[in-house]
Amino acid sequence: MTDNKNIRHELFTDENASYQRHDNPVDQTRNTMNETKQSLEYSLGIVREAENTGKDTLVTLDRQKKQLNATNTNVDNIHIIISKSNSLLRRMARRVVTDKVLWVIIFLIIVMILLLILNSQYHWTRIN
């Protein structure tokens, strides 16, 4: 009877082991699925974060593009203003030179008139 009990115990234990062996792969599969699910959720979180970062970067790049375009427009406007200023300065410099030449001519004319007056005075005083 002890043998029967032992055999029975072995059979029951084997069945239990067999049941456990069948249960372990299912548990392992469930654990693997849970780990995979967690890994996928983590990866999805990273993808969403990368997508948000990409959107933020796109907004920043668009803002910087607008700033660069505005700066380019400002530089073009400044270039036009500088060109006009250079032209105006050249005209003013020509006028200054022309004015100086006119002053020299006027001065020479006045000197000539004075010389003529002095010459005529000197000549009149000699005659008389």
N, C-alpha and C. Protein backbone atom coordinates (compact mmCIF):
# COMPACT_ATOMS: atom_id res chain seq x y z
N MET A 1 0.81 -1.16 0.00
CA MET A 1 0.00 0.00 0.00
C MET A 1 0.87 1.25 0.00
N THR A 2 1.95 1.16 0.62
CA THR A 2 2.88 2.27 0.59
C THR A 2 3.34 2.49 -0.83
N ASP A 3 3.51 1.38 -1.54
CA ASP A 3 3.91 1.52 -2.94
C ASP A 3 2.83 2.22 -3.73
N ASN A 4 1.61 1.88 -3.45
CA ASN A 4 0.50 2.53 -4.15
C ASN A 4 0.47 4.02 -3.83
N LYS A 5 0.71 4.32 -2.58
CA LYS A 5 0.71 5.72 -2.19
C LYS A 5 1.86 6.46 -2.86
N ASN A 6 3.00 5.79 -2.89
CA ASN A 6 4.15 6.42 -3.52
C ASN A 6 3.92 6.63 -5.01
N ILE A 7 3.37 5.60 -5.64
CA ILE A 7 3.09 5.72 -7.08
C ILE A 7 2.06 6.79 -7.31
N ARG A 8 1.05 6.75 -6.46
CA ARG A 8 0.01 7.75 -6.58
C ARG A 8 0.59 9.17 -6.39
N HIS A 9 1.45 9.26 -5.40
CA HIS A 9 2.07 10.56 -5.14
C HIS A 9 2.93 10.99 -6.33
N GLU A 10 3.65 10.06 -6.91
CA GLU A 10 4.48 10.36 -8.07
C GLU A 10 3.62 10.75 -9.26
N LEU A 11 2.55 10.03 -9.44
CA LEU A 11 1.67 10.36 -10.55
C LEU A 11 1.04 11.73 -10.36
N PHE A 12 0.61 11.97 -9.14
CA PHE A 12 -0.01 13.26 -8.87
C PHE A 12 1.02 14.39 -9.03
N THR A 13 2.20 14.15 -8.53
CA THR A 13 3.27 15.13 -8.64
C THR A 13 3.64 15.31 -10.10
N ASP A 14 3.70 14.23 -10.86
CA ASP A 14 4.00 14.34 -12.29
C ASP A 14 2.91 15.12 -13.01
N GLU A 15 1.65 14.83 -12.61
CA GLU A 15 0.57 15.59 -13.23
C GLU A 15 0.68 17.07 -12.87
N ASN A 16 1.00 17.30 -11.62
CA ASN A 16 1.16 18.67 -11.17
C ASN A 16 2.32 19.34 -11.90
N ALA A 17 3.40 18.58 -12.06
CA ALA A 17 4.55 19.10 -12.79
C ALA A 17 4.18 19.32 -14.24
N SER A 18 3.42 18.39 -14.79
CA SER A 18 2.97 18.53 -16.17
C SER A 18 2.07 19.74 -16.31
N TYR A 19 1.21 19.93 -15.33
CA TYR A 19 0.33 21.08 -15.34
C TYR A 19 1.15 22.36 -15.21
N GLN A 20 2.15 22.34 -14.34
CA GLN A 20 3.00 23.49 -14.16
C GLN A 20 3.81 23.77 -15.42
N ARG A 21 4.25 22.69 -16.08
CA ARG A 21 5.02 22.89 -17.30
C ARG A 21 4.16 23.55 -18.37
N HIS A 22 2.88 23.14 -18.43
CA HIS A 22 1.99 23.79 -19.39
C HIS A 22 1.65 25.21 -18.96
N ASP A 23 1.57 25.44 -17.67
CA ASP A 23 1.23 26.74 -17.16
C ASP A 23 2.41 27.71 -17.31
N ASN A 24 3.60 27.27 -17.13
CA ASN A 24 4.78 28.12 -17.23
C ASN A 24 4.93 28.76 -18.62
N PRO A 25 4.78 28.06 -19.70
CA PRO A 25 4.87 28.73 -21.00
C PRO A 25 3.78 29.78 -21.17
N VAL A 26 2.60 29.53 -20.65
CA VAL A 26 1.53 30.51 -20.76
C VAL A 26 1.90 31.75 -19.93
N ASP A 27 2.39 31.50 -18.71
CA ASP A 27 2.82 32.63 -17.88
C ASP A 27 3.98 33.37 -18.54
N GLN A 28 4.90 32.61 -19.09
CA GLN A 28 6.03 33.23 -19.77
C GLN A 28 5.56 34.06 -20.96
N THR A 29 4.61 33.51 -21.69
CA THR A 29 4.07 34.24 -22.84
C THR A 29 3.37 35.51 -22.37
N ARG A 30 2.60 35.40 -21.31
CA ARG A 30 1.93 36.58 -20.77
C ARG A 30 2.95 37.62 -20.29
N ASN A 31 3.98 37.14 -19.59
CA ASN A 31 5.03 38.05 -19.13
C ASN A 31 5.72 38.72 -20.31
N THR A 32 6.01 37.90 -21.33
CA THR A 32 6.66 38.45 -22.52
C THR A 32 5.75 39.47 -23.20
N MET A 33 4.45 39.16 -23.28
CA MET A 33 3.50 40.09 -23.89
C MET A 33 3.42 41.38 -23.07
N ASN A 34 3.39 41.26 -21.75
CA ASN A 34 3.35 42.45 -20.89
C ASN A 34 4.61 43.29 -21.06
N GLU A 35 5.76 42.62 -21.10
CA GLU A 35 7.02 43.34 -21.30
C GLU A 35 7.04 44.01 -22.67
N THR A 36 6.54 43.29 -23.67
CA THR A 36 6.48 43.85 -25.01
C THR A 36 5.53 45.04 -25.05
N LYS A 37 4.40 44.92 -24.38
CA LYS A 37 3.43 46.01 -24.32
C LYS A 37 4.04 47.23 -23.64
N GLN A 38 4.73 47.00 -22.53
CA GLN A 38 5.38 48.11 -21.83
C GLN A 38 6.46 48.75 -22.70
N SER A 39 7.21 47.89 -23.37
CA SER A 39 8.26 48.40 -24.26
C SER A 39 7.66 49.21 -25.40
N LEU A 40 6.55 48.73 -25.96
CA LEU A 40 5.88 49.46 -27.04
C LEU A 40 5.31 50.78 -26.54
N GLU A 41 4.74 50.77 -25.34
CA GLU A 41 4.21 52.01 -24.77
C GLU A 41 5.34 53.01 -24.53
N TYR A 42 6.47 52.51 -24.04
CA TYR A 42 7.63 53.38 -23.84
C TYR A 42 8.13 53.93 -25.18
N SER A 43 8.22 53.04 -26.17
CA SER A 43 8.65 53.48 -27.51
C SER A 43 7.67 54.48 -28.10
N LEU A 44 6.38 54.23 -27.91
CA LEU A 44 5.36 55.16 -28.40
C LEU A 44 5.50 56.52 -27.72
N GLY A 45 5.81 56.51 -26.42
CA GLY A 45 6.05 57.76 -25.71
C GLY A 45 7.24 58.51 -26.28
N ILE A 46 8.30 57.76 -26.60
CA ILE A 46 9.48 58.39 -27.20
C ILE A 46 9.14 58.95 -28.57
N VAL A 47 8.35 58.21 -29.35
CA VAL A 47 7.95 58.68 -30.68
C VAL A 47 7.10 59.94 -30.56
N ARG A 48 6.18 59.97 -29.63
CA ARG A 48 5.35 61.17 -29.43
C ARG A 48 6.21 62.36 -28.99
N GLU A 49 7.15 62.10 -28.10
CA GLU A 49 8.05 63.16 -27.66
C GLU A 49 8.89 63.67 -28.83
N ALA A 50 9.38 62.76 -29.65
CA ALA A 50 10.17 63.16 -30.83
C ALA A 50 9.30 63.94 -31.81
N GLU A 51 8.06 63.53 -31.96
CA GLU A 51 7.13 64.24 -32.85
C GLU A 51 6.87 65.66 -32.33
N ASN A 52 6.66 65.81 -31.02
CA ASN A 52 6.46 67.13 -30.43
C ASN A 52 7.71 67.99 -30.57
N THR A 53 8.86 67.37 -30.36
CA THR A 53 10.12 68.10 -30.52
C THR A 53 10.27 68.55 -31.97
N GLY A 54 9.92 67.66 -32.91
CA GLY A 54 9.97 68.01 -34.33
C GLY A 54 9.04 69.16 -34.67
N LYS A 55 7.84 69.15 -34.10
CA LYS A 55 6.89 70.24 -34.34
C LYS A 55 7.43 71.55 -33.78
N ASP A 56 7.97 71.48 -32.56
CA ASP A 56 8.55 72.69 -31.95
C ASP A 56 9.71 73.22 -32.79
N THR A 57 10.53 72.30 -33.27
CA THR A 57 11.67 72.69 -34.11
C THR A 57 11.18 73.32 -35.40
N LEU A 58 10.14 72.77 -35.98
CA LEU A 58 9.57 73.32 -37.21
C LEU A 58 9.04 74.73 -36.99
N VAL A 59 8.36 74.94 -35.87
CA VAL A 59 7.84 76.28 -35.54
C VAL A 59 9.00 77.25 -35.36
N THR A 60 10.04 76.81 -34.64
CA THR A 60 11.21 77.66 -34.41
C THR A 60 11.89 78.00 -35.74
N LEU A 61 12.06 77.00 -36.59
CA LEU A 61 12.69 77.24 -37.89
C LEU A 61 11.87 78.19 -38.75
N ASP A 62 10.55 78.06 -38.70
CA ASP A 62 9.70 78.97 -39.47
C ASP A 62 9.83 80.39 -38.96
N ARG A 63 9.87 80.55 -37.64
CA ARG A 63 10.04 81.89 -37.04
C ARG A 63 11.40 82.47 -37.44
N GLN A 64 12.43 81.65 -37.39
CA GLN A 64 13.77 82.12 -37.77
C GLN A 64 13.84 82.45 -39.25
N LYS A 65 13.12 81.69 -40.08
CA LYS A 65 13.08 81.99 -41.52
C LYS A 65 12.46 83.36 -41.74
N LYS A 66 11.38 83.64 -41.03
CA LYS A 66 10.72 84.95 -41.16
C LYS A 66 11.66 86.06 -40.70
N GLN A 67 12.39 85.81 -39.60
CA GLN A 67 13.34 86.81 -39.11
C GLN A 67 14.44 87.06 -40.13
N LEU A 68 14.94 85.98 -40.74
CA LEU A 68 15.99 86.13 -41.75
C LEU A 68 15.48 86.88 -42.97
N ASN A 69 14.26 86.59 -43.38
CA ASN A 69 13.69 87.31 -44.52
C ASN A 69 13.52 88.79 -44.20
N ALA A 70 13.06 89.08 -42.98
CA ALA A 70 12.90 90.47 -42.57
C ALA A 70 14.27 91.16 -42.50
N THR A 71 15.26 90.46 -41.99
CA THR A 71 16.61 91.02 -41.93
C THR A 71 17.15 91.27 -43.33
N ASN A 72 16.90 90.33 -44.23
CA ASN A 72 17.34 90.50 -45.62
C ASN A 72 16.67 91.72 -46.25
N THR A 73 15.40 91.90 -45.99
CA THR A 73 14.68 93.07 -46.50
C THR A 73 15.28 94.35 -45.91
N ASN A 74 15.57 94.32 -44.61
CA ASN A 74 16.18 95.50 -43.97
C ASN A 74 17.55 95.81 -44.56
N VAL A 75 18.33 94.77 -44.81
CA VAL A 75 19.66 94.97 -45.41
C VAL A 75 19.51 95.57 -46.81
N ASP A 76 18.55 95.08 -47.58
CA ASP A 76 18.31 95.66 -48.91
C ASP A 76 17.92 97.13 -48.80
N ASN A 77 17.04 97.45 -47.86
CA ASN A 77 16.63 98.84 -47.66
C ASN A 77 17.81 99.71 -47.25
N ILE A 78 18.64 99.19 -46.36
CA ILE A 78 19.82 99.94 -45.92
C ILE A 78 20.76 100.16 -47.10
N HIS A 79 20.92 99.14 -47.94
CA HIS A 79 21.77 99.28 -49.12
C HIS A 79 21.25 100.40 -50.04
N ILE A 80 19.95 100.44 -50.23
CA ILE A 80 19.34 101.50 -51.07
C ILE A 80 19.59 102.87 -50.43
N ILE A 81 19.39 102.96 -49.11
CA ILE A 81 19.60 104.24 -48.42
C ILE A 81 21.06 104.67 -48.52
N ILE A 82 21.99 103.73 -48.35
CA ILE A 82 23.41 104.05 -48.46
C ILE A 82 23.75 104.52 -49.87
N SER A 83 23.19 103.87 -50.88
CA SER A 83 23.44 104.30 -52.26
C SER A 83 22.94 105.73 -52.48
N LYS A 84 21.73 106.02 -52.00
CA LYS A 84 21.19 107.38 -52.13
C LYS A 84 22.04 108.38 -51.37
N SER A 85 22.49 107.99 -50.18
CA SER A 85 23.33 108.88 -49.37
C SER A 85 24.65 109.16 -50.07
N ASN A 86 25.26 108.12 -50.65
CA ASN A 86 26.51 108.32 -51.38
C ASN A 86 26.31 109.28 -52.55
N SER A 87 25.22 109.11 -53.27
CA SER A 87 24.92 109.99 -54.40
C SER A 87 24.75 111.43 -53.91
N LEU A 88 24.01 111.61 -52.83
CA LEU A 88 23.79 112.93 -52.27
C LEU A 88 25.10 113.56 -51.79
N LEU A 89 25.95 112.77 -51.15
CA LEU A 89 27.25 113.28 -50.69
C LEU A 89 28.13 113.69 -51.87
N ARG A 90 28.11 112.91 -52.96
CA ARG A 90 28.88 113.28 -54.14
C ARG A 90 28.39 114.61 -54.72
N ARG A 91 27.07 114.78 -54.79
CA ARG A 91 26.52 116.04 -55.29
C ARG A 91 26.91 117.20 -54.39
N MET A 92 26.84 116.99 -53.08
CA MET A 92 27.21 118.05 -52.14
C MET A 92 28.70 118.39 -52.27
N ALA A 93 29.54 117.37 -52.45
CA ALA A 93 30.98 117.62 -52.62
C ALA A 93 31.23 118.42 -53.89
N ARG A 94 30.51 118.08 -54.98
CA ARG A 94 30.64 118.85 -56.22
C ARG A 94 30.21 120.30 -56.01
N ARG A 95 29.14 120.50 -55.28
CA ARG A 95 28.67 121.86 -55.01
C ARG A 95 29.69 122.65 -54.18
N VAL A 96 30.30 121.97 -53.20
CA VAL A 96 31.32 122.63 -52.38
C VAL A 96 32.48 123.06 -53.27
N VAL A 97 32.93 122.17 -54.14
CA VAL A 97 34.04 122.51 -55.05
C VAL A 97 33.61 123.64 -55.97
N THR A 98 32.42 123.56 -56.50
CA THR A 98 31.92 124.61 -57.39
C THR A 98 31.84 125.93 -56.64
N ASP A 99 31.34 125.89 -55.41
CA ASP A 99 31.27 127.12 -54.60
C ASP A 99 32.65 127.71 -54.36
N LYS A 100 33.62 126.88 -54.07
CA LYS A 100 34.98 127.37 -53.83
C LYS A 100 35.55 128.00 -55.10
N VAL A 101 35.31 127.34 -56.23
CA VAL A 101 35.78 127.90 -57.50
C VAL A 101 35.12 129.25 -57.76
N LEU A 102 33.81 129.33 -57.50
CA LEU A 102 33.11 130.60 -57.69
C LEU A 102 33.66 131.67 -56.75
N TRP A 103 33.92 131.32 -55.50
CA TRP A 103 34.50 132.28 -54.56
C TRP A 103 35.87 132.77 -55.04
N VAL A 104 36.66 131.85 -55.57
CA VAL A 104 37.98 132.24 -56.09
C VAL A 104 37.81 133.18 -57.28
N ILE A 105 36.88 132.86 -58.16
CA ILE A 105 36.64 133.71 -59.34
C ILE A 105 36.15 135.10 -58.89
N ILE A 106 35.20 135.10 -57.93
CA ILE A 106 34.69 136.38 -57.42
C ILE A 106 35.82 137.17 -56.78
N PHE A 107 36.65 136.49 -56.00
CA PHE A 107 37.78 137.16 -55.36
C PHE A 107 38.72 137.75 -56.42
N LEU A 108 38.99 136.97 -57.46
CA LEU A 108 39.87 137.47 -58.53
C LEU A 108 39.24 138.66 -59.26
N ILE A 109 37.94 138.59 -59.47
CA ILE A 109 37.25 139.71 -60.13
C ILE A 109 37.34 140.96 -59.26
N ILE A 110 37.11 140.81 -57.95
CA ILE A 110 37.20 141.94 -57.03
C ILE A 110 38.61 142.50 -57.03
N VAL A 111 39.61 141.63 -57.00
CA VAL A 111 41.00 142.09 -57.03
C VAL A 111 41.28 142.83 -58.33
N MET A 112 40.78 142.30 -59.43
CA MET A 112 40.99 142.96 -60.73
C MET A 112 40.31 144.33 -60.75
N ILE A 113 39.12 144.41 -60.21
CA ILE A 113 38.41 145.68 -60.15
C ILE A 113 39.18 146.68 -59.29
N LEU A 114 39.66 146.19 -58.15
CA LEU A 114 40.44 147.05 -57.28
C LEU A 114 41.72 147.51 -57.98
N LEU A 115 42.34 146.60 -58.67
CA LEU A 115 43.55 146.96 -59.41
C LEU A 115 43.24 147.98 -60.50
N LEU A 116 42.12 147.77 -61.17
CA LEU A 116 41.72 148.74 -62.21
C LEU A 116 41.44 150.10 -61.58
N ILE A 117 40.75 150.09 -60.45
CA ILE A 117 40.46 151.36 -59.77
C ILE A 117 41.75 152.03 -59.32
N LEU A 118 42.63 151.25 -58.72
CA LEU A 118 43.90 151.80 -58.28
C LEU A 118 44.74 152.28 -59.46
N ASN A 119 44.71 151.51 -60.50
CA ASN A 119 45.46 151.90 -61.71
C ASN A 119 44.90 153.18 -62.31
N SER A 120 43.57 153.24 -62.37
CA SER A 120 42.96 154.44 -62.93
C SER A 120 43.21 155.63 -62.00
N GLN A 121 43.17 155.45 -60.71
CA GLN A 121 43.46 156.52 -59.77
C GLN A 121 44.92 156.97 -59.91
N TYR A 122 45.77 155.98 -60.01
CA TYR A 122 47.18 156.29 -60.13
C TYR A 122 47.44 157.00 -61.47
N HIS A 123 46.75 156.52 -62.48
CA HIS A 123 46.91 157.11 -63.80
C HIS A 123 46.34 158.53 -63.81
N TRP A 124 45.22 158.82 -63.17
CA TRP A 124 44.61 160.14 -63.11
C TRP A 124 45.48 161.10 -62.28
N THR A 125 46.04 160.57 -61.25
CA THR A 125 46.87 161.45 -60.45
C THR A 125 48.16 161.79 -61.17
N ARG A 126 48.64 161.01 -62.00
CA ARG A 126 49.82 161.28 -62.78
C ARG A 126 49.54 162.29 -63.88
N ILE A 127 48.39 162.18 -64.42
CA ILE A 127 48.03 163.10 -65.50
C ILE A 127 47.80 164.48 -64.90
N ASN A 128 47.24 164.55 -63.85
CA ASN A 128 46.93 165.85 -63.26
C ASN A 128 48.07 166.28 -62.49
